[in-house]
Amino acid sequence: MAYDEGLAQVIRDELAERAGVTEKKMFGGIGFLLDQTIKFHRWPQAGTTILVVIVATILVDTISGGVRRRIIEGADVKVAPEAEIMDLDVASY
């Protein structure tokens, strides 16, 4: 997501009155964070960062795959056998 100055201002306004909240300019991202932890030989933190990235990637990929499948195939609506016997209008639900 690209930086949005309007959204940043809305967030600044919302957080302005909270104690202990300060604004800091950020740059880089996960690659920068990982580079710095490796440069300073913080191996446990680097390992944790890599693990979190792998887990988050698998989670996002799994969820988006399920959503895509439901969009493409459509949601299957299962009708209980009792509804057919009782002649219920399940389409209205």
PDB file of N, CA and C in Angstrom:
ATOM      1  N   MET A   1       0.849  -1.166   0.000  1.00  0.00           N
ATOM      2  CA  MET A   1       0.000   0.000   0.000  1.00  0.00           C
ATOM      3  C   MET A   1       0.895   1.229   0.000  1.00  0.00           C
ATOM      4  N   ALA A   2       0.596   2.167  -0.853  1.00  0.00           N
ATOM      5  CA  ALA A   2       1.371   3.395  -0.956  1.00  0.00           C
ATOM      6  C   ALA A   2       1.061   4.305   0.225  1.00  0.00           C
ATOM      7  N   TYR A   3       1.987   5.191   0.521  1.00  0.00           N
ATOM      8  CA  TYR A   3       1.807   6.150   1.598  1.00  0.00           C
ATOM      9  C   TYR A   3       0.714   7.136   1.227  1.00  0.00           C
ATOM     10  N   ASP A   4      -0.196   7.394   2.153  1.00  0.00           N
ATOM     11  CA  ASP A   4      -1.309   8.310   1.925  1.00  0.00           C
ATOM     12  C   ASP A   4      -1.248   9.400   2.986  1.00  0.00           C
ATOM     13  N   GLU A   5      -0.904  10.626   2.570  1.00  0.00           N
ATOM     14  CA  GLU A   5      -0.758  11.735   3.518  1.00  0.00           C
ATOM     15  C   GLU A   5      -2.072  12.059   4.212  1.00  0.00           C
ATOM     16  N   GLY A   6      -3.193  11.955   3.493  1.00  0.00           N
ATOM     17  CA  GLY A   6      -4.496  12.230   4.106  1.00  0.00           C
ATOM     18  C   GLY A   6      -4.808  11.248   5.226  1.00  0.00           C
ATOM     19  N   LEU A   7      -4.552   9.962   4.981  1.00  0.00           N
ATOM     20  CA  LEU A   7      -4.767   8.945   6.008  1.00  0.00           C
ATOM     21  C   LEU A   7      -3.816   9.155   7.185  1.00  0.00           C
ATOM     22  N   ALA A   8      -2.575   9.521   6.884  1.00  0.00           N
ATOM     23  CA  ALA A   8      -1.596   9.779   7.951  1.00  0.00           C
ATOM     24  C   ALA A   8      -2.068  10.927   8.839  1.00  0.00           C
ATOM     25  N   GLN A   9      -2.649  11.962   8.248  1.00  0.00           N
ATOM     26  CA  GLN A   9      -3.134  13.091   9.038  1.00  0.00           C
ATOM     27  C   GLN A   9      -4.314  12.691   9.909  1.00  0.00           C
ATOM     28  N   VAL A  10      -5.204  11.862   9.393  1.00  0.00           N
ATOM     29  CA  VAL A  10      -6.340  11.383  10.188  1.00  0.00           C
ATOM     30  C   VAL A  10      -5.836  10.601  11.398  1.00  0.00           C
ATOM     31  N   ILE A  11      -4.846   9.740  11.179  1.00  0.00           N
ATOM     32  CA  ILE A  11      -4.277   8.955  12.284  1.00  0.00           C
ATOM     33  C   ILE A  11      -3.575   9.869  13.277  1.00  0.00           C
ATOM     34  N   ARG A  12      -2.829  10.866  12.776  1.00  0.00           N
ATOM     35  CA  ARG A  12      -2.177  11.837  13.674  1.00  0.00           C
ATOM     36  C   ARG A  12      -3.205  12.534  14.555  1.00  0.00           C
ATOM     37  N   ASP A  13      -4.303  12.983  13.946  1.00  0.00           N
ATOM     38  CA  ASP A  13      -5.341  13.682  14.704  1.00  0.00           C
ATOM     39  C   ASP A  13      -5.959  12.789  15.774  1.00  0.00           C
ATOM     40  N   GLU A  14      -6.187  11.512  15.429  1.00  0.00           N
ATOM     41  CA  GLU A  14      -6.781  10.573  16.385  1.00  0.00           C
ATOM     42  C   GLU A  14      -5.848  10.279  17.559  1.00  0.00           C
ATOM     43  N   LEU A  15      -4.561  10.203  17.284  1.00  0.00           N
ATOM     44  CA  LEU A  15      -3.604   9.824  18.325  1.00  0.00           C
ATOM     45  C   LEU A  15      -2.955  11.014  19.014  1.00  0.00           C
ATOM     46  N   ALA A  16      -3.300  12.226  18.611  1.00  0.00           N
ATOM     47  CA  ALA A  16      -2.636  13.427  19.127  1.00  0.00           C
ATOM     48  C   ALA A  16      -2.780  13.577  20.637  1.00  0.00           C
ATOM     49  N   GLU A  17      -3.913  13.207  21.171  1.00  0.00           N
ATOM     50  CA  GLU A  17      -4.163  13.444  22.592  1.00  0.00           C
ATOM     51  C   GLU A  17      -3.771  12.272  23.485  1.00  0.00           C
ATOM     52  N   ARG A  18      -3.242  11.213  22.915  1.00  0.00           N
ATOM     53  CA  ARG A  18      -2.842  10.061  23.718  1.00  0.00           C
ATOM     54  C   ARG A  18      -1.429  10.255  24.253  1.00  0.00           C
ATOM     55  N   ALA A  19      -1.276  10.012  25.517  1.00  0.00           N
ATOM     56  CA  ALA A  19       0.038  10.174  26.154  1.00  0.00           C
ATOM     57  C   ALA A  19       0.983   9.062  25.712  1.00  0.00           C
ATOM     58  N   GLY A  20       2.212   9.408  25.471  1.00  0.00           N
ATOM     59  CA  GLY A  20       3.228   8.421  25.143  1.00  0.00           C
ATOM     60  C   GLY A  20       3.275   7.998  23.692  1.00  0.00           C
ATOM     61  N   VAL A  21       2.449   8.587  22.848  1.00  0.00           N
ATOM     62  CA  VAL A  21       2.443   8.231  21.434  1.00  0.00           C
ATOM     63  C   VAL A  21       3.196   9.315  20.675  1.00  0.00           C
ATOM     64  N   THR A  22       4.245   8.910  19.963  1.00  0.00           N
ATOM     65  CA  THR A  22       5.020   9.853  19.170  1.00  0.00           C
ATOM     66  C   THR A  22       5.107   9.353  17.731  1.00  0.00           C
ATOM     67  N   GLU A  23       5.287  10.273  16.818  1.00  0.00           N
ATOM     68  CA  GLU A  23       5.402   9.914  15.409  1.00  0.00           C
ATOM     69  C   GLU A  23       6.872   9.782  15.044  1.00  0.00           C
ATOM     70  N   LYS A  24       7.190   8.727  14.303  1.00  0.00           N
ATOM     71  CA  LYS A  24       8.546   8.515  13.819  1.00  0.00           C
ATOM     72  C   LYS A  24       8.483   8.205  12.339  1.00  0.00           C
ATOM     73  N   LYS A  25       9.412   8.745  11.593  1.00  0.00           N
ATOM     74  CA  LYS A  25       9.484   8.449  10.167  1.00  0.00           C
ATOM     75  C   LYS A  25      10.049   7.045  10.002  1.00  0.00           C
ATOM     76  N   MET A  26       9.425   6.261   9.162  1.00  0.00           N
ATOM     77  CA  MET A  26       9.858   4.891   8.939  1.00  0.00           C
ATOM     78  C   MET A  26      10.382   4.750   7.518  1.00  0.00           C
ATOM     79  N   PHE A  27      11.275   3.827   7.343  1.00  0.00           N
ATOM     80  CA  PHE A  27      11.773   3.530   6.015  1.00  0.00           C
ATOM     81  C   PHE A  27      12.196   2.077   5.982  1.00  0.00           C
ATOM     82  N   GLY A  28      12.359   1.541   4.804  1.00  0.00           N
ATOM     83  CA  GLY A  28      12.813   0.167   4.699  1.00  0.00           C
ATOM     84  C   GLY A  28      11.660  -0.804   4.690  1.00  0.00           C
ATOM     85  N   GLY A  29      11.554  -1.581   5.695  1.00  0.00           N
ATOM     86  CA  GLY A  29      10.535  -2.607   5.775  1.00  0.00           C
ATOM     87  C   GLY A  29      11.145  -3.841   6.394  1.00  0.00           C
ATOM     88  N   ILE A  30      10.570  -4.978   6.080  1.00  0.00           N
ATOM     89  CA  ILE A  30      11.036  -6.225   6.671  1.00  0.00           C
ATOM     90  C   ILE A  30      12.453  -6.557   6.214  1.00  0.00           C
ATOM     91  N   GLY A  31      12.776  -6.217   4.962  1.00  0.00           N
ATOM     92  CA  GLY A  31      14.131  -6.464   4.462  1.00  0.00           C
ATOM     93  C   GLY A  31      15.165  -5.639   5.213  1.00  0.00           C
ATOM     94  N   PHE A  32      14.834  -4.371   5.474  1.00  0.00           N
ATOM     95  CA  PHE A  32      15.738  -3.507   6.241  1.00  0.00           C
ATOM     96  C   PHE A  32      15.921  -4.046   7.646  1.00  0.00           C
ATOM     97  N   LEU A  33      14.826  -4.441   8.285  1.00  0.00           N
ATOM     98  CA  LEU A  33      14.886  -4.985   9.633  1.00  0.00           C
ATOM     99  C   LEU A  33      15.765  -6.231   9.681  1.00  0.00           C
ATOM    100  N   LEU A  34      15.564  -7.119   8.729  1.00  0.00           N
ATOM    101  CA  LEU A  34      16.349  -8.348   8.683  1.00  0.00           C
ATOM    102  C   LEU A  34      17.826  -8.055   8.420  1.00  0.00           C
ATOM    103  N   ASP A  35      18.105  -7.127   7.522  1.00  0.00           N
ATOM    104  CA  ASP A  35      19.484  -6.736   7.231  1.00  0.00           C
ATOM    105  C   ASP A  35      20.183  -6.197   8.482  1.00  0.00           C
ATOM    106  N   GLN A  36      19.503  -5.360   9.220  1.00  0.00           N
ATOM    107  CA  GLN A  36      20.107  -4.786  10.429  1.00  0.00           C
ATOM    108  C   GLN A  36      20.340  -5.841  11.502  1.00  0.00           C
ATOM    109  N   THR A  37      19.399  -6.759  11.675  1.00  0.00           N
ATOM    110  CA  THR A  37      19.595  -7.786  12.711  1.00  0.00           C
ATOM    111  C   THR A  37      20.751  -8.711  12.352  1.00  0.00           C
ATOM    112  N   ILE A  38      20.936  -8.989  11.068  1.00  0.00           N
ATOM    113  CA  ILE A  38      22.056  -9.840  10.664  1.00  0.00           C
ATOM    114  C   ILE A  38      23.373  -9.077  10.785  1.00  0.00           C
ATOM    115  N   LYS A  39      23.394  -7.805  10.398  1.00  0.00           N
ATOM    116  CA  LYS A  39      24.620  -7.007  10.485  1.00  0.00           C
ATOM    117  C   LYS A  39      25.129  -6.906  11.920  1.00  0.00           C
ATOM    118  N   PHE A  40      24.201  -6.802  12.857  1.00  0.00           N
ATOM    119  CA  PHE A  40      24.598  -6.653  14.255  1.00  0.00           C
ATOM    120  C   PHE A  40      24.619  -7.982  15.001  1.00  0.00           C
ATOM    121  N   HIS A  41      24.625  -9.070  14.242  1.00  0.00           N
ATOM    122  CA  HIS A  41      24.745 -10.433  14.792  1.00  0.00           C
ATOM    123  C   HIS A  41      23.699 -10.740  15.855  1.00  0.00           C
ATOM    124  N   ARG A  42      22.479 -10.288  15.628  1.00  0.00           N
ATOM    125  CA  ARG A  42      21.363 -10.628  16.515  1.00  0.00           C
ATOM    126  C   ARG A  42      20.669 -11.839  15.913  1.00  0.00           C
ATOM    127  N   TRP A  43      21.314 -12.973  16.009  1.00  0.00           N
ATOM    128  CA  TRP A  43      20.838 -14.178  15.333  1.00  0.00           C
ATOM    129  C   TRP A  43      19.464 -14.643  15.805  1.00  0.00           C
ATOM    130  N   PRO A  44      19.180 -14.657  17.109  1.00  0.00           N
ATOM    131  CA  PRO A  44      17.829 -15.092  17.519  1.00  0.00           C
ATOM    132  C   PRO A  44      16.722 -14.189  16.944  1.00  0.00           C
ATOM    133  N   GLN A  45      16.958 -12.876  16.937  1.00  0.00           N
ATOM    134  CA  GLN A  45      15.961 -11.945  16.395  1.00  0.00           C
ATOM    135  C   GLN A  45      15.830 -12.135  14.886  1.00  0.00           C
ATOM    136  N   ALA A  46      16.940 -12.369  14.182  1.00  0.00           N
ATOM    137  CA  ALA A  46      16.886 -12.603  12.741  1.00  0.00           C
ATOM    138  C   ALA A  46      16.112 -13.889  12.434  1.00  0.00           C
ATOM    139  N   GLY A  47      16.366 -14.924  13.217  1.00  0.00           N
ATOM    140  CA  GLY A  47      15.648 -16.184  13.025  1.00  0.00           C
ATOM    141  C   GLY A  47      14.161 -16.034  13.267  1.00  0.00           C
ATOM    142  N   THR A  48      13.807 -15.294  14.301  1.00  0.00           N
ATOM    143  CA  THR A  48      12.398 -15.056  14.598  1.00  0.00           C
ATOM    144  C   THR A  48      11.746 -14.252  13.480  1.00  0.00           C
ATOM    145  N   THR A  49      12.455 -13.255  12.961  1.00  0.00           N
ATOM    146  CA  THR A  49      11.921 -12.445  11.870  1.00  0.00           C
ATOM    147  C   THR A  49      11.657 -13.302  10.640  1.00  0.00           C
ATOM    148  N   ILE A  50      12.599 -14.159  10.293  1.00  0.00           N
ATOM    149  CA  ILE A  50      12.423 -15.040   9.137  1.00  0.00           C
ATOM    150  C   ILE A  50      11.247 -15.987   9.362  1.00  0.00           C
ATOM    151  N   LEU A  51      11.149 -16.547  10.561  1.00  0.00           N
ATOM    152  CA  LEU A  51      10.050 -17.461  10.872  1.00  0.00           C
ATOM    153  C   LEU A  51       8.694 -16.765  10.766  1.00  0.00           C
ATOM    154  N   VAL A  52       8.598 -15.546  11.283  1.00  0.00           N
ATOM    155  CA  VAL A  52       7.344 -14.800  11.210  1.00  0.00           C
ATOM    156  C   VAL A  52       6.977 -14.504   9.759  1.00  0.00           C
ATOM    157  N   VAL A  53       7.962 -14.150   8.938  1.00  0.00           N
ATOM    158  CA  VAL A  53       7.696 -13.877   7.526  1.00  0.00           C
ATOM    159  C   VAL A  53       7.184 -15.137   6.824  1.00  0.00           C
ATOM    160  N   ILE A  54       7.797 -16.278   7.096  1.00  0.00           N
ATOM    161  CA  ILE A  54       7.376 -17.531   6.469  1.00  0.00           C
ATOM    162  C   ILE A  54       5.954 -17.893   6.886  1.00  0.00           C
ATOM    163  N   VAL A  55       5.657 -17.818   8.179  1.00  0.00           N
ATOM    164  CA  VAL A  55       4.323 -18.171   8.681  1.00  0.00           C
ATOM    165  C   VAL A  55       3.272 -17.212   8.119  1.00  0.00           C
ATOM    166  N   ALA A  56       3.577 -15.911   8.115  1.00  0.00           N
ATOM    167  CA  ALA A  56       2.619 -14.929   7.594  1.00  0.00           C
ATOM    168  C   ALA A  56       2.367 -15.153   6.110  1.00  0.00           C
ATOM    169  N   THR A  57       3.408 -15.483   5.358  1.00  0.00           N
ATOM    170  CA  THR A  57       3.253 -15.729   3.926  1.00  0.00           C
ATOM    171  C   THR A  57       2.381 -16.951   3.673  1.00  0.00           C
ATOM    172  N   ILE A  58       2.615 -18.023   4.411  1.00  0.00           N
ATOM    173  CA  ILE A  58       1.805 -19.236   4.253  1.00  0.00           C
ATOM    174  C   ILE A  58       0.354 -18.964   4.633  1.00  0.00           C
ATOM    175  N   LEU A  59       0.138 -18.233   5.718  1.00  0.00           N
ATOM    176  CA  LEU A  59      -1.211 -17.917   6.176  1.00  0.00           C
ATOM    177  C   LEU A  59      -1.964 -17.076   5.146  1.00  0.00           C
ATOM    178  N   VAL A  60      -1.331 -16.023   4.653  1.00  0.00           N
ATOM    179  CA  VAL A  60      -1.981 -15.154   3.664  1.00  0.00           C
ATOM    180  C   VAL A  60      -2.260 -15.932   2.382  1.00  0.00           C
ATOM    181  N   ASP A  61      -1.320 -16.761   1.950  1.00  0.00           N
ATOM    182  CA  ASP A  61      -1.506 -17.538   0.729  1.00  0.00           C
ATOM    183  C   ASP A  61      -2.654 -18.537   0.878  1.00  0.00           C
ATOM    184  N   THR A  62      -2.744 -19.187   2.028  1.00  0.00           N
ATOM    185  CA  THR A  62      -3.810 -20.153   2.275  1.00  0.00           C
ATOM    186  C   THR A  62      -5.182 -19.485   2.291  1.00  0.00           C
ATOM    187  N   ILE A  63      -5.274 -18.371   2.990  1.00  0.00           N
ATOM    188  CA  ILE A  63      -6.557 -17.658   3.078  1.00  0.00           C
ATOM    189  C   ILE A  63      -6.964 -17.124   1.719  1.00  0.00           C
ATOM    190  N   SER A  64      -6.032 -16.505   0.997  1.00  0.00           N
ATOM    191  CA  SER A  64      -6.390 -15.948  -0.303  1.00  0.00           C
ATOM    192  C   SER A  64      -6.749 -17.053  -1.298  1.00  0.00           C
ATOM    193  N   GLY A  65      -6.109 -18.212  -1.188  1.00  0.00           N
ATOM    194  CA  GLY A  65      -6.466 -19.340  -2.045  1.00  0.00           C
ATOM    195  C   GLY A  65      -7.882 -19.812  -1.792  1.00  0.00           C
ATOM    196  N   GLY A  66      -8.268 -19.871  -0.525  1.00  0.00           N
ATOM    197  CA  GLY A  66      -9.634 -20.261  -0.181  1.00  0.00           C
ATOM    198  C   GLY A  66     -10.661 -19.261  -0.677  1.00  0.00           C
ATOM    199  N   VAL A  67     -10.338 -17.983  -0.543  1.00  0.00           N
ATOM    200  CA  VAL A  67     -11.248 -16.941  -1.014  1.00  0.00           C
ATOM    201  C   VAL A  67     -11.387 -17.007  -2.531  1.00  0.00           C
ATOM    202  N   ARG A  68     -10.267 -17.157  -3.232  1.00  0.00           N
ATOM    203  CA  ARG A  68     -10.322 -17.270  -4.693  1.00  0.00           C
ATOM    204  C   ARG A  68     -11.162 -18.471  -5.129  1.00  0.00           C
ATOM    205  N   ARG A  69     -10.969 -19.599  -4.442  1.00  0.00           N
ATOM    206  CA  ARG A  69     -11.715 -20.811  -4.784  1.00  0.00           C
ATOM    207  C   ARG A  69     -13.210 -20.587  -4.604  1.00  0.00           C
ATOM    208  N   ARG A  70     -13.600 -19.920  -3.518  1.00  0.00           N
ATOM    209  CA  ARG A  70     -15.028 -19.661  -3.291  1.00  0.00           C
ATOM    210  C   ARG A  70     -15.596 -18.696  -4.307  1.00  0.00           C
ATOM    211  N   ILE A  71     -14.789 -17.726  -4.723  1.00  0.00           N
ATOM    212  CA  ILE A  71     -15.261 -16.781  -5.730  1.00  0.00           C
ATOM    213  C   ILE A  71     -15.451 -17.479  -7.073  1.00  0.00           C
ATOM    214  N   ILE A  72     -14.484 -18.299  -7.449  1.00  0.00           N
ATOM    215  CA  ILE A  72     -14.535 -18.964  -8.746  1.00  0.00           C
ATOM    216  C   ILE A  72     -15.612 -20.039  -8.774  1.00  0.00           C
ATOM    217  N   GLU A  73     -15.668 -20.894  -7.753  1.00  0.00           N
ATOM    218  CA  GLU A  73     -16.605 -22.014  -7.745  1.00  0.00           C
ATOM    219  C   GLU A  73     -17.974 -21.634  -7.205  1.00  0.00           C
ATOM    220  N   GLY A  74     -18.042 -20.594  -6.420  1.00  0.00           N
ATOM    221  CA  GLY A  74     -19.291 -20.217  -5.772  1.00  0.00           C
ATOM    222  C   GLY A  74     -19.448 -20.992  -4.475  1.00  0.00           C
ATOM    223  N   ALA A  75     -20.224 -20.457  -3.579  1.00  0.00           N
ATOM    224  CA  ALA A  75     -20.447 -21.119  -2.297  1.00  0.00           C
ATOM    225  C   ALA A  75     -21.500 -22.202  -2.472  1.00  0.00           C
ATOM    226  N   ASP A  76     -21.157 -23.421  -2.090  1.00  0.00           N
ATOM    227  CA  ASP A  76     -22.125 -24.521  -2.163  1.00  0.00           C
ATOM    228  C   ASP A  76     -23.098 -24.400  -1.004  1.00  0.00           C
ATOM    229  N   VAL A  77     -24.376 -24.416  -1.317  1.00  0.00           N
ATOM    230  CA  VAL A  77     -25.409 -24.377  -0.290  1.00  0.00           C
ATOM    231  C   VAL A  77     -25.922 -25.792  -0.124  1.00  0.00           C
ATOM    232  N   LYS A  78     -25.767 -26.334   1.062  1.00  0.00           N
ATOM    233  CA  LYS A  78     -26.219 -27.689   1.341  1.00  0.00           C
ATOM    234  C   LYS A  78     -27.598 -27.625   1.986  1.00  0.00           C
ATOM    235  N   VAL A  79     -28.515 -28.431   1.494  1.00  0.00           N
ATOM    236  CA  VAL A  79     -29.866 -28.486   2.029  1.00  0.00           C
ATOM    237  C   VAL A  79     -29.987 -29.757   2.854  1.00  0.00           C
ATOM    238  N   ALA A  80     -30.407 -29.591   4.085  1.00  0.00           N
ATOM    239  CA  ALA A  80     -30.580 -30.739   4.960  1.00  0.00           C
ATOM    240  C   ALA A  80     -31.727 -31.607   4.442  1.00  0.00           C
ATOM    241  N   PRO A  81     -31.626 -32.936   4.588  1.00  0.00           N
ATOM    242  CA  PRO A  81     -32.703 -33.826   4.118  1.00  0.00           C
ATOM    243  C   PRO A  81     -34.050 -33.499   4.756  1.00  0.00           C
ATOM    244  N   GLU A  82     -34.045 -33.055   6.015  1.00  0.00           N
ATOM    245  CA  GLU A  82     -35.306 -32.724   6.685  1.00  0.00           C
ATOM    246  C   GLU A  82     -36.012 -31.562   5.984  1.00  0.00           C
ATOM    247  N   ALA A  83     -35.233 -30.631   5.434  1.00  0.00           N
ATOM    248  CA  ALA A  83     -35.839 -29.482   4.760  1.00  0.00           C
ATOM    249  C   ALA A  83     -36.581 -29.929   3.506  1.00  0.00           C
ATOM    250  N   GLU A  84     -36.057 -30.913   2.805  1.00  0.00           N
ATOM    251  CA  GLU A  84     -36.726 -31.408   1.608  1.00  0.00           C
ATOM    252  C   GLU A  84     -38.003 -32.161   1.976  1.00  0.00           C
ATOM    253  N   ILE A  85     -37.953 -32.940   3.044  1.00  0.00           N
ATOM    254  CA  ILE A  85     -39.118 -33.719   3.462  1.00  0.00           C
ATOM    255  C   ILE A  85     -40.224 -32.787   3.927  1.00  0.00           C
ATOM    256  N   MET A  86     -39.876 -31.757   4.677  1.00  0.00           N
ATOM    257  CA  MET A  86     -40.870 -30.844   5.230  1.00  0.00           C
ATOM    258  C   MET A  86     -41.277 -29.798   4.211  1.00  0.00           C
ATOM    259  N   ASP A  87     -40.689 -29.825   3.020  1.00  0.00           N
ATOM    260  CA  ASP A  87     -41.015 -28.878   1.963  1.00  0.00           C
ATOM    261  C   ASP A  87     -40.814 -27.433   2.402  1.00  0.00           C
ATOM    262  N   LEU A  88     -39.652 -27.177   3.012  1.00  0.00           N
ATOM    263  CA  LEU A  88     -39.331 -25.822   3.448  1.00  0.00           C
ATOM    264  C   LEU A  88     -38.727 -25.039   2.300  1.00  0.00           C
ATOM    265  N   ASP A  89     -38.990 -23.764   2.284  1.00  0.00           N
ATOM    266  CA  ASP A  89     -38.432 -22.884   1.273  1.00  0.00           C
ATOM    267  C   ASP A  89     -37.085 -22.363   1.781  1.00  0.00           C
ATOM    268  N   VAL A  90     -36.028 -23.129   1.549  1.00  0.00           N
ATOM    269  CA  VAL A  90     -34.711 -22.760   2.065  1.00  0.00           C
ATOM    270  C   VAL A  90     -34.087 -21.631   1.273  1.00  0.00           C
ATOM    271  N   ALA A  91     -34.565 -21.341   0.095  1.00  0.00           N
ATOM    272  CA  ALA A  91     -33.997 -20.260  -0.714  1.00  0.00           C
ATOM    273  C   ALA A  91     -34.253 -18.902  -0.087  1.00  0.00           C
ATOM    274  N   SER A  92     -35.304 -18.781   0.723  1.00  0.00           N
ATOM    275  CA  SER A  92     -35.614 -17.485   1.323  1.00  0.00           C
ATOM    276  C   SER A  92     -34.731 -17.183   2.537  1.00  0.00           C
ATOM    277  N   TYR A  93     -33.986 -18.151   2.979  1.00  0.00           N
ATOM    278  CA  TYR A  93     -33.111 -17.923   4.123  1.00  0.00           C
ATOM    279  C   TYR A  93     -31.827 -17.435   3.626  1.00  0.00           C
TER     280      TYR A  93
END
